[in-house]
Amino acid sequence: MKILVINGPNLNFLGIREKAVYGNQDYSFLCNMIKENASACGDEVEIFQSNHEGAIIDKIQDAYSDGTDGIVINPGAYTHYSYAIHDALKSLEKVIKVEVHISDIQSREEFRKVSVTAPSCHKQIYGHGLNGYIEAMDYIRENPVKN
């Protein structure tokens, strides 16, 4: 199975930014955790991070034709207002998509409770820390799209 993990703005600052919210582990730790899980399950994984909306959209569109089976996406702040990312995700009907948030977005500021990207995904996982990424990968494995 081929899984694409996309991280949006500021995710590269894990372990630096708001440690009380996002924890002490850095971005390298997250990437290694994802790679180890994929390897243990026999999956191919690509991890992509960008602070630029257009680059994220380009990466999602690439998944249309590169054999990607599933996308795990943490859109970061784009979650709350990027209809362009929503539309790009929605275009991929044959790819399982799971939105992940490290923190419990429902117990934070009001604006974080609204996701415009979640409706284009099959599932949303939040508040499970970095383990939410592993849960998302498991969900993709357990729910392949029927062609």
C-alpha atoms as a PDB file:
ATOM      1  CA  MET A   1       0.000   0.000   0.000  1.00  0.00           C
ATOM      2  CA  LYS A   2       1.234   3.507  -0.817  1.00  0.00           C
ATOM      3  CA  ILE A   3       0.468   6.166   1.792  1.00  0.00           C
ATOM      4  CA  LEU A   4       1.153   9.884   1.491  1.00  0.00           C
ATOM      5  CA  VAL A   5       1.444  11.890   4.706  1.00  0.00           C
ATOM      6  CA  ILE A   6       1.017  15.626   4.250  1.00  0.00           C
ATOM      7  CA  ASN A   7       1.757  18.146   6.980  1.00  0.00           C
ATOM      8  CA  GLY A   8       0.826  21.781   6.626  1.00  0.00           C
ATOM      9  CA  PRO A   9       2.154  24.994   8.096  1.00  0.00           C
ATOM     10  CA  ASN A  10       4.204  24.980  11.271  1.00  0.00           C
ATOM     11  CA  LEU A  11       4.200  21.195  11.662  1.00  0.00           C
ATOM     12  CA  ASN A  12       7.930  21.346  10.988  1.00  0.00           C
ATOM     13  CA  PHE A  13       8.136  23.278  14.274  1.00  0.00           C
ATOM     14  CA  LEU A  14       6.995  20.347  16.432  1.00  0.00           C
ATOM     15  CA  GLY A  15       9.015  20.314  19.642  1.00  0.00           C
ATOM     16  CA  ILE A  16       9.552  24.057  19.294  1.00  0.00           C
ATOM     17  CA  ARG A  17       6.048  25.496  19.023  1.00  0.00           C
ATOM     18  CA  GLU A  18       3.571  25.397  21.934  1.00  0.00           C
ATOM     19  CA  LYS A  19       5.008  22.340  23.670  1.00  0.00           C
ATOM     20  CA  ALA A  20       2.109  22.267  26.132  1.00  0.00           C
ATOM     21  CA  VAL A  21      -0.251  21.702  23.179  1.00  0.00           C
ATOM     22  CA  TYR A  22       1.846  19.708  20.706  1.00  0.00           C
ATOM     23  CA  GLY A  23       4.376  17.951  22.953  1.00  0.00           C
ATOM     24  CA  ASN A  24       8.150  17.818  23.149  1.00  0.00           C
ATOM     25  CA  GLN A  25       8.840  15.455  20.258  1.00  0.00           C
ATOM     26  CA  ASP A  26      10.241  17.138  17.175  1.00  0.00           C
ATOM     27  CA  TYR A  27       9.280  16.723  13.526  1.00  0.00           C
ATOM     28  CA  SER A  28      12.069  14.201  12.909  1.00  0.00           C
ATOM     29  CA  PHE A  29      10.636  12.025  15.660  1.00  0.00           C
ATOM     30  CA  LEU A  30       7.205  12.107  13.981  1.00  0.00           C
ATOM     31  CA  CYS A  31       8.669  11.261  10.572  1.00  0.00           C
ATOM     32  CA  ASN A  32      10.678   8.357  11.970  1.00  0.00           C
ATOM     33  CA  MET A  33       7.620   7.033  13.812  1.00  0.00           C
ATOM     34  CA  ILE A  34       5.591   7.107  10.582  1.00  0.00           C
ATOM     35  CA  LYS A  35       8.379   5.453   8.553  1.00  0.00           C
ATOM     36  CA  GLU A  36       8.872   2.693  11.140  1.00  0.00           C
ATOM     37  CA  ASN A  37       5.150   1.940  11.173  1.00  0.00           C
ATOM     38  CA  ALA A  38       4.966   1.828   7.381  1.00  0.00           C
ATOM     39  CA  SER A  39       8.010  -0.426   7.190  1.00  0.00           C
ATOM     40  CA  ALA A  40       6.624  -2.814   9.820  1.00  0.00           C
ATOM     41  CA  CYS A  41       3.389  -3.089   7.812  1.00  0.00           C
ATOM     42  CA  GLY A  42       5.090  -3.453   4.439  1.00  0.00           C
ATOM     43  CA  ASP A  43       3.814  -0.117   3.145  1.00  0.00           C
ATOM     44  CA  GLU A  44       5.489   2.546   1.062  1.00  0.00           C
ATOM     45  CA  VAL A  45       5.207   5.975   2.693  1.00  0.00           C
ATOM     46  CA  GLU A  46       6.053   9.462   1.530  1.00  0.00           C
ATOM     47  CA  ILE A  47       6.080  12.328   4.025  1.00  0.00           C
ATOM     48  CA  PHE A  48       5.654  15.870   2.766  1.00  0.00           C
ATOM     49  CA  GLN A  49       5.541  19.130   4.715  1.00  0.00           C
ATOM     50  CA  SER A  50       4.989  22.635   3.413  1.00  0.00           C
ATOM     51  CA  ASN A  51       4.062  26.016   4.790  1.00  0.00           C
ATOM     52  CA  HIS A  52       2.651  26.906   1.358  1.00  0.00           C
ATOM     53  CA  GLU A  53      -0.921  26.137   0.361  1.00  0.00           C
ATOM     54  CA  GLY A  54      -0.165  25.743  -3.347  1.00  0.00           C
ATOM     55  CA  ALA A  55       2.588  23.203  -2.695  1.00  0.00           C
ATOM     56  CA  ILE A  56       0.167  21.139  -0.614  1.00  0.00           C
ATOM     57  CA  ILE A  57      -2.430  21.266  -3.389  1.00  0.00           C
ATOM     58  CA  ASP A  58       0.188  20.235  -5.963  1.00  0.00           C
ATOM     59  CA  LYS A  59       1.164  17.248  -3.803  1.00  0.00           C
ATOM     60  CA  ILE A  60      -2.479  16.197  -3.400  1.00  0.00           C
ATOM     61  CA  GLN A  61      -3.001  16.443  -7.156  1.00  0.00           C
ATOM     62  CA  ASP A  62       0.128  14.353  -7.791  1.00  0.00           C
ATOM     63  CA  ALA A  63      -1.534  11.572  -5.780  1.00  0.00           C
ATOM     64  CA  TYR A  64      -4.231  11.306  -8.442  1.00  0.00           C
ATOM     65  CA  SER A  65      -1.896   9.493 -10.810  1.00  0.00           C
ATOM     66  CA  ASP A  66       1.064   8.213  -8.792  1.00  0.00           C
ATOM     67  CA  GLY A  67      -0.543   5.139  -7.250  1.00  0.00           C
ATOM     68  CA  THR A  68      -1.279   6.625  -3.825  1.00  0.00           C
ATOM     69  CA  ASP A  69      -3.803   4.492  -1.923  1.00  0.00           C
ATOM     70  CA  GLY A  70      -4.298   6.784   1.045  1.00  0.00           C
ATOM     71  CA  ILE A  71      -3.520  10.251   2.332  1.00  0.00           C
ATOM     72  CA  VAL A  72      -3.019  11.257   5.944  1.00  0.00           C
ATOM     73  CA  ILE A  73      -3.240  15.031   6.114  1.00  0.00           C
ATOM     74  CA  ASN A  74      -2.725  17.514   8.894  1.00  0.00           C
ATOM     75  CA  PRO A  75      -3.540  20.754   7.106  1.00  0.00           C
ATOM     76  CA  GLY A  76      -2.542  22.851  10.124  1.00  0.00           C
ATOM     77  CA  ALA A  77      -4.200  26.268  10.056  1.00  0.00           C
ATOM     78  CA  TYR A  78      -5.397  25.629   6.488  1.00  0.00           C
ATOM     79  CA  THR A  79      -7.932  23.282   8.098  1.00  0.00           C
ATOM     80  CA  HIS A  80     -10.082  26.232   8.999  1.00  0.00           C
ATOM     81  CA  TYR A  81     -10.238  28.142   5.737  1.00  0.00           C
ATOM     82  CA  SER A  82      -8.673  26.397   2.737  1.00  0.00           C
ATOM     83  CA  TYR A  83     -11.474  25.482   0.413  1.00  0.00           C
ATOM     84  CA  ALA A  84      -8.761  24.985  -2.213  1.00  0.00           C
ATOM     85  CA  ILE A  85      -7.276  22.096  -0.197  1.00  0.00           C
ATOM     86  CA  HIS A  86     -10.811  20.805   0.411  1.00  0.00           C
ATOM     87  CA  ASP A  87     -11.473  20.778  -3.334  1.00  0.00           C
ATOM     88  CA  ALA A  88      -8.156  19.076  -4.126  1.00  0.00           C
ATOM     89  CA  LEU A  89      -8.859  16.320  -1.581  1.00  0.00           C
ATOM     90  CA  LYS A  90     -12.418  15.884  -2.807  1.00  0.00           C
ATOM     91  CA  SER A  91     -11.118  15.329  -6.354  1.00  0.00           C
ATOM     92  CA  LEU A  92      -9.427  12.086  -5.287  1.00  0.00           C
ATOM     93  CA  GLU A  93     -12.402   9.738  -5.145  1.00  0.00           C
ATOM     94  CA  LYS A  94     -10.283   6.576  -5.272  1.00  0.00           C
ATOM     95  CA  VAL A  95      -7.943   7.570  -2.445  1.00  0.00           C
ATOM     96  CA  ILE A  96      -8.778   7.114   1.260  1.00  0.00           C
ATOM     97  CA  LYS A  97      -8.173  10.386   3.097  1.00  0.00           C
ATOM     98  CA  VAL A  98      -7.848  10.923   6.842  1.00  0.00           C
ATOM     99  CA  GLU A  99      -7.469  14.319   8.486  1.00  0.00           C
ATOM    100  CA  VAL A 100      -5.323  14.327  11.631  1.00  0.00           C
ATOM    101  CA  HIS A 101      -4.778  16.897  14.364  1.00  0.00           C
ATOM    102  CA  ILE A 102      -2.356  16.338  17.208  1.00  0.00           C
ATOM    103  CA  SER A 103      -4.326  18.423  19.699  1.00  0.00           C
ATOM    104  CA  ASP A 104      -7.987  18.196  20.633  1.00  0.00           C
ATOM    105  CA  ILE A 105      -9.253  20.890  18.303  1.00  0.00           C
ATOM    106  CA  GLN A 106     -12.708  20.707  19.889  1.00  0.00           C
ATOM    107  CA  SER A 107     -11.391  21.924  23.248  1.00  0.00           C
ATOM    108  CA  ARG A 108      -9.370  24.841  21.872  1.00  0.00           C
ATOM    109  CA  GLU A 109     -10.224  28.241  20.391  1.00  0.00           C
ATOM    110  CA  GLU A 110     -13.541  28.543  18.573  1.00  0.00           C
ATOM    111  CA  PHE A 111     -11.946  28.918  15.131  1.00  0.00           C
ATOM    112  CA  ARG A 112     -10.124  25.584  15.542  1.00  0.00           C
ATOM    113  CA  LYS A 113     -13.397  23.713  15.981  1.00  0.00           C
ATOM    114  CA  VAL A 114     -14.351  24.309  12.336  1.00  0.00           C
ATOM    115  CA  SER A 115     -12.733  22.226   9.613  1.00  0.00           C
ATOM    116  CA  VAL A 116     -13.510  23.025   5.998  1.00  0.00           C
ATOM    117  CA  THR A 117     -11.224  20.183   4.877  1.00  0.00           C
ATOM    118  CA  ALA A 118     -12.702  17.342   6.969  1.00  0.00           C
ATOM    119  CA  PRO A 119     -15.830  16.938   4.791  1.00  0.00           C
ATOM    120  CA  SER A 120     -13.574  15.915   1.897  1.00  0.00           C
ATOM    121  CA  CYS A 121     -11.982  13.178   4.021  1.00  0.00           C
ATOM    122  CA  HIS A 122     -13.282   9.783   5.081  1.00  0.00           C
ATOM    123  CA  LYS A 123     -12.344  10.292   8.729  1.00  0.00           C
ATOM    124  CA  GLN A 124     -11.017  12.894  11.135  1.00  0.00           C
ATOM    125  CA  ILE A 125      -8.802  12.028  14.112  1.00  0.00           C
ATOM    126  CA  TYR A 126      -7.907  14.648  16.715  1.00  0.00           C
ATOM    127  CA  GLY A 127      -6.558  14.813  20.241  1.00  0.00           C
ATOM    128  CA  HIS A 128      -4.561  11.566  20.094  1.00  0.00           C
ATOM    129  CA  GLY A 129      -1.153  13.224  19.861  1.00  0.00           C
ATOM    130  CA  LEU A 130       1.335  11.883  17.353  1.00  0.00           C
ATOM    131  CA  ASN A 131      -0.340   8.467  17.596  1.00  0.00           C
ATOM    132  CA  GLY A 132      -3.196   9.918  15.558  1.00  0.00           C
ATOM    133  CA  TYR A 133      -0.983   9.517  12.491  1.00  0.00           C
ATOM    134  CA  ILE A 134      -0.601   5.789  13.161  1.00  0.00           C
ATOM    135  CA  GLU A 135      -4.352   5.456  13.733  1.00  0.00           C
ATOM    136  CA  ALA A 136      -4.937   7.187  10.402  1.00  0.00           C
ATOM    137  CA  MET A 137      -2.553   4.829   8.605  1.00  0.00           C
ATOM    138  CA  ASP A 138      -4.315   1.865  10.216  1.00  0.00           C
ATOM    139  CA  TYR A 139      -7.669   3.226   9.044  1.00  0.00           C
ATOM    140  CA  ILE A 140      -6.378   3.494   5.482  1.00  0.00           C
ATOM    141  CA  ARG A 141      -5.127  -0.102   5.590  1.00  0.00           C
ATOM    142  CA  GLU A 142      -8.436  -1.367   6.954  1.00  0.00           C
ATOM    143  CA  ASN A 143     -10.611   0.607   4.504  1.00  0.00           C
ATOM    144  CA  PRO A 144      -9.166   0.429   1.008  1.00  0.00           C
ATOM    145  CA  VAL A 145     -11.156   2.111  -1.729  1.00  0.00           C
ATOM    146  CA  LYS A 146     -13.017  -0.361  -3.911  1.00  0.00           C
ATOM    147  CA  ASN A 147     -12.268   0.360  -7.567  1.00  0.00           C
END
